[in-house]
Amino acid sequence: MKKLNNADLLEKTRKFVDKANVNKAKFARSAGISDYTLYEWLNGKRVVSPDTLEKISNYLSQFNSILK
């Protein structure tokens, strides 16, 4: 997956969670971030660090077929 900016990655994450019907807590743990961070970010209440964005991007890269 190409490097995404915050807004693009947020959109892709929302799409993945909705389309794959993934539990957000499980997604967060699998991506290596806290549940709280994911919830706050998805709800627009938090800006995440570049390291966190990279973790999310790396995790999502496993699911390119779902994201297309």
C-alpha atoms as a PDB file:
ATOM      1  CA  MET A   1       0.000   0.000   0.000  1.00  0.00           C
ATOM      2  CA  LYS A   2       1.380   3.388  -0.880  1.00  0.00           C
ATOM      3  CA  LYS A   3       2.010   5.838   1.899  1.00  0.00           C
ATOM      4  CA  LEU A   4      -1.239   7.619   2.689  1.00  0.00           C
ATOM      5  CA  ASN A   5      -1.896  10.918   4.346  1.00  0.00           C
ATOM      6  CA  ASN A   6      -4.035  11.101   7.481  1.00  0.00           C
ATOM      7  CA  ALA A   7      -7.328  11.834   5.678  1.00  0.00           C
ATOM      8  CA  ASP A   8      -6.827   9.094   3.070  1.00  0.00           C
ATOM      9  CA  LEU A   9      -5.851   6.528   5.667  1.00  0.00           C
ATOM     10  CA  LEU A  10      -8.785   7.492   7.864  1.00  0.00           C
ATOM     11  CA  GLU A  11     -11.153   6.944   4.929  1.00  0.00           C
ATOM     12  CA  LYS A  12      -9.538   3.587   4.073  1.00  0.00           C
ATOM     13  CA  THR A  13      -9.725   2.464   7.706  1.00  0.00           C
ATOM     14  CA  ARG A  14     -13.392   3.374   7.990  1.00  0.00           C
ATOM     15  CA  LYS A  15     -14.111   1.591   4.708  1.00  0.00           C
ATOM     16  CA  PHE A  16     -12.266  -1.521   5.859  1.00  0.00           C
ATOM     17  CA  VAL A  17     -13.966  -1.650   9.260  1.00  0.00           C
ATOM     18  CA  ASP A  18     -17.394  -1.220   7.647  1.00  0.00           C
ATOM     19  CA  LYS A  19     -16.907  -3.440   4.594  1.00  0.00           C
ATOM     20  CA  ALA A  20     -15.147  -6.281   6.413  1.00  0.00           C
ATOM     21  CA  ASN A  21     -17.407  -5.931   9.467  1.00  0.00           C
ATOM     22  CA  VAL A  22     -14.353  -5.870  11.701  1.00  0.00           C
ATOM     23  CA  ASN A  23     -14.550  -5.244  15.427  1.00  0.00           C
ATOM     24  CA  LYS A  24     -12.713  -1.970  16.078  1.00  0.00           C
ATOM     25  CA  ALA A  25     -11.042  -3.236  19.251  1.00  0.00           C
ATOM     26  CA  LYS A  26      -9.719  -6.287  17.402  1.00  0.00           C
ATOM     27  CA  PHE A  27      -8.556  -4.081  14.530  1.00  0.00           C
ATOM     28  CA  ALA A  28      -6.664  -1.827  16.944  1.00  0.00           C
ATOM     29  CA  ARG A  29      -4.965  -4.722  18.732  1.00  0.00           C
ATOM     30  CA  SER A  30      -4.029  -6.361  15.430  1.00  0.00           C
ATOM     31  CA  ALA A  31      -2.577  -3.094  14.130  1.00  0.00           C
ATOM     32  CA  GLY A  32      -0.579  -2.600  17.341  1.00  0.00           C
ATOM     33  CA  ILE A  33      -2.385   0.497  18.610  1.00  0.00           C
ATOM     34  CA  SER A  34      -4.708   1.112  21.525  1.00  0.00           C
ATOM     35  CA  ASP A  35      -8.469   0.790  21.217  1.00  0.00           C
ATOM     36  CA  TYR A  36      -8.831   4.306  22.601  1.00  0.00           C
ATOM     37  CA  THR A  37      -6.513   5.773  19.982  1.00  0.00           C
ATOM     38  CA  LEU A  38      -8.446   4.125  17.168  1.00  0.00           C
ATOM     39  CA  TYR A  39     -11.854   5.204  18.502  1.00  0.00           C
ATOM     40  CA  GLU A  40     -10.743   8.784  19.049  1.00  0.00           C
ATOM     41  CA  TRP A  41      -9.103   8.980  15.609  1.00  0.00           C
ATOM     42  CA  LEU A  42     -12.097   7.482  13.785  1.00  0.00           C
ATOM     43  CA  ASN A  43     -14.376   9.973  15.538  1.00  0.00           C
ATOM     44  CA  GLY A  44     -12.209  12.974  14.652  1.00  0.00           C
ATOM     45  CA  LYS A  45     -11.241  13.696  18.246  1.00  0.00           C
ATOM     46  CA  ARG A  46      -7.574  12.883  17.925  1.00  0.00           C
ATOM     47  CA  VAL A  47      -4.706  13.354  15.522  1.00  0.00           C
ATOM     48  CA  VAL A  48      -2.434  10.340  15.534  1.00  0.00           C
ATOM     49  CA  SER A  49       1.328  10.288  15.260  1.00  0.00           C
ATOM     50  CA  PRO A  50       3.151   9.346  12.074  1.00  0.00           C
ATOM     51  CA  ASP A  51       4.224   6.101  13.792  1.00  0.00           C
ATOM     52  CA  THR A  52       0.599   5.189  14.468  1.00  0.00           C
ATOM     53  CA  LEU A  53      -0.376   6.029  10.895  1.00  0.00           C
ATOM     54  CA  GLU A  54       2.390   3.726   9.696  1.00  0.00           C
ATOM     55  CA  LYS A  55       1.163   0.880  11.927  1.00  0.00           C
ATOM     56  CA  ILE A  56      -2.370   1.269  10.590  1.00  0.00           C
ATOM     57  CA  SER A  57      -1.146   1.490   6.997  1.00  0.00           C
ATOM     58  CA  ASN A  58       1.030  -1.594   7.419  1.00  0.00           C
ATOM     59  CA  TYR A  59      -1.853  -3.557   8.911  1.00  0.00           C
ATOM     60  CA  LEU A  60      -4.268  -2.508   6.161  1.00  0.00           C
ATOM     61  CA  SER A  61      -1.777  -3.460   3.454  1.00  0.00           C
ATOM     62  CA  GLN A  62      -2.657  -7.102   4.152  1.00  0.00           C
ATOM     63  CA  PHE A  63      -6.200  -6.449   2.937  1.00  0.00           C
ATOM     64  CA  ASN A  64      -5.757  -4.650  -0.374  1.00  0.00           C
ATOM     65  CA  SER A  65      -8.405  -6.788  -2.089  1.00  0.00           C
ATOM     66  CA  ILE A  66     -11.066  -5.645   0.401  1.00  0.00           C
ATOM     67  CA  LEU A  67     -10.064  -2.009   0.043  1.00  0.00           C
ATOM     68  CA  LYS A  68     -10.393  -1.863  -3.744  1.00  0.00           C
END
